């Protein structure tokens, strides 16, 4: 069976949360607030009426939820297609705008689906590291997101997460902590257009990684009660 996304179907309203998303959001806001003291900064930086690509560092299994919970509109992530066959889990994933990815299928189908969602007005989330950090630091960014950037030409919004690794380390169990998430200013297509030229892939990856690092530094400073003097992603 081919689980590649079907981009020919109609997409839901990207600016309205369905009942499943809304219920999950209420429950998770309470849970993360209680367990993690979770706080968010920079929501005003999200484009109010268009799609955008959210690129974040990856600290824990909580991360997709941490990115999506504070938002007033849905955000689409990708997840292994095998998760969609799990009772209840698959039902929830389908109703919270998650896109299945089959490791054996062509990656192009997923890219087309994500481009379609961005064009439709969705926020699309990705973790360029490709896997969770093993030490709490930002790892190497993989270039897989470049195709999506080139084909969609939508704003890129860097997201920095701090404290999730300490609260839910790789191979460990969740524990109380103090988690902060910072959303940077959008990097507009006309501003990054030059980096989309062939042969400049490494520069684009480095520029995106630096923007995410800036957000992480801001989140760390906020978590520790310090301030960052420079204007974030300005």
Foldseek 3Di string as FASTA:
>chain_A
DDQQDDLVDDDDQQQAADPLLVVVLVVVVVVCCVQAVEDEPDLVQDPPFAEEEEEAAAAAPCVVVSVANVDNGAEEEEDAPVQLVDPPSVVSCVRRRYRHDHPPDDCVSVLVNVLSCRHSGHYYYDYQVNDHDQPQDGDQGHLPCLVSCLSNQAWYKAKYKPWVCVQHNVPRHGGGYHIYMYIAHTQHSVNCVVCNDPPNSVVVSVVNVVLNVLRNVQRVCVSVVHHDDDRRPD
